[in-house]
């Protein structure tokens, strides 16, 4: 996923979200991972952004 055109990325400043992302580890079966990759590719985004979108739609 691309950032906003013409804006230089600055380390420590969120680009697409209200807060910075942190690294987390999740485990998937190979089949589930392939499905996630396929869905992300068809949406023109990354698996990380796809999961971010799904999480954002969840109720607190």
C-alpha atoms as a PDB file:
ATOM      1  CA  UNK A   1       0.000   0.000   0.000  1.00  0.00           C
ATOM      2  CA  UNK A   2       1.400   3.355  -0.919  1.00  0.00           C
ATOM      3  CA  UNK A   3       1.583   6.384   1.298  1.00  0.00           C
ATOM      4  CA  UNK A   4       0.337   9.794   0.301  1.00  0.00           C
ATOM      5  CA  UNK A   5       2.063  11.031  -2.852  1.00  0.00           C
ATOM      6  CA  UNK A   6       4.409  13.926  -2.385  1.00  0.00           C
ATOM      7  CA  UNK A   7       4.754  13.476   1.376  1.00  0.00           C
ATOM      8  CA  UNK A   8       8.074  12.323   2.763  1.00  0.00           C
ATOM      9  CA  UNK A   9       7.830   9.569   5.358  1.00  0.00           C
ATOM     10  CA  UNK A  10       9.259  10.516   8.739  1.00  0.00           C
ATOM     11  CA  UNK A  11      10.393   7.806  11.146  1.00  0.00           C
ATOM     12  CA  UNK A  12       8.196   7.618  14.225  1.00  0.00           C
ATOM     13  CA  UNK A  13       5.298   9.492  12.604  1.00  0.00           C
ATOM     14  CA  UNK A  14       2.228   7.456  11.590  1.00  0.00           C
ATOM     15  CA  UNK A  15       1.371   7.627   7.879  1.00  0.00           C
ATOM     16  CA  UNK A  16      -1.874   5.716   7.383  1.00  0.00           C
ATOM     17  CA  UNK A  17      -3.227   5.282  10.907  1.00  0.00           C
ATOM     18  CA  UNK A  18      -3.675   7.287  14.086  1.00  0.00           C
ATOM     19  CA  UNK A  19      -0.849   5.449  15.838  1.00  0.00           C
ATOM     20  CA  UNK A  20       2.372   3.658  14.949  1.00  0.00           C
ATOM     21  CA  UNK A  21       2.230  -0.050  14.239  1.00  0.00           C
ATOM     22  CA  UNK A  22       4.171  -2.547  16.350  1.00  0.00           C
ATOM     23  CA  UNK A  23       5.339  -5.993  15.366  1.00  0.00           C
ATOM     24  CA  UNK A  24       3.186  -8.942  16.463  1.00  0.00           C
ATOM     25  CA  UNK A  25       3.431 -12.626  15.642  1.00  0.00           C
ATOM     26  CA  UNK A  26       0.480 -14.612  14.371  1.00  0.00           C
ATOM     27  CA  UNK A  27       0.412 -18.165  13.118  1.00  0.00           C
ATOM     28  CA  UNK A  28      -1.705 -19.435  10.204  1.00  0.00           C
ATOM     29  CA  UNK A  29      -2.037 -22.697   8.358  1.00  0.00           C
ATOM     30  CA  UNK A  30      -0.519 -22.560   4.860  1.00  0.00           C
ATOM     31  CA  UNK A  31      -4.016 -22.636   3.359  1.00  0.00           C
ATOM     32  CA  UNK A  32      -5.246 -19.713   5.467  1.00  0.00           C
ATOM     33  CA  UNK A  33      -2.093 -17.717   4.717  1.00  0.00           C
ATOM     34  CA  UNK A  34      -2.562 -18.249   0.967  1.00  0.00           C
ATOM     35  CA  UNK A  35      -6.183 -17.100   1.250  1.00  0.00           C
ATOM     36  CA  UNK A  36      -5.104 -13.959   3.115  1.00  0.00           C
ATOM     37  CA  UNK A  37      -2.424 -13.209   0.544  1.00  0.00           C
ATOM     38  CA  UNK A  38      -4.865 -13.728  -2.312  1.00  0.00           C
ATOM     39  CA  UNK A  39      -7.497 -11.475  -0.748  1.00  0.00           C
ATOM     40  CA  UNK A  40      -4.910  -8.775   0.002  1.00  0.00           C
ATOM     41  CA  UNK A  41      -3.532  -8.908  -3.545  1.00  0.00           C
ATOM     42  CA  UNK A  42      -7.015  -8.625  -5.064  1.00  0.00           C
ATOM     43  CA  UNK A  43      -7.648  -5.618  -2.799  1.00  0.00           C
ATOM     44  CA  UNK A  44      -4.341  -4.030  -3.835  1.00  0.00           C
ATOM     45  CA  UNK A  45      -2.979  -4.031  -0.293  1.00  0.00           C
ATOM     46  CA  UNK A  46      -0.784  -6.076   2.041  1.00  0.00           C
ATOM     47  CA  UNK A  47      -1.866  -8.802   4.448  1.00  0.00           C
ATOM     48  CA  UNK A  48      -0.947  -6.455   7.291  1.00  0.00           C
ATOM     49  CA  UNK A  49      -3.295  -3.751   5.998  1.00  0.00           C
ATOM     50  CA  UNK A  50      -6.022  -6.338   5.331  1.00  0.00           C
ATOM     51  CA  UNK A  51      -5.832  -7.526   8.952  1.00  0.00           C
ATOM     52  CA  UNK A  52      -5.736  -3.906  10.154  1.00  0.00           C
ATOM     53  CA  UNK A  53      -8.955  -3.223   8.233  1.00  0.00           C
ATOM     54  CA  UNK A  54     -10.649  -6.341   9.659  1.00  0.00           C
ATOM     55  CA  UNK A  55      -9.603  -5.391  13.215  1.00  0.00           C
ATOM     56  CA  UNK A  56     -10.854  -1.819  12.750  1.00  0.00           C
ATOM     57  CA  UNK A  57     -14.313  -3.162  11.875  1.00  0.00           C
ATOM     58  CA  UNK A  58     -14.528  -5.184  15.109  1.00  0.00           C
ATOM     59  CA  UNK A  59     -16.477  -3.743  17.999  1.00  0.00           C
ATOM     60  CA  UNK A  60     -14.391  -2.874  21.093  1.00  0.00           C
END
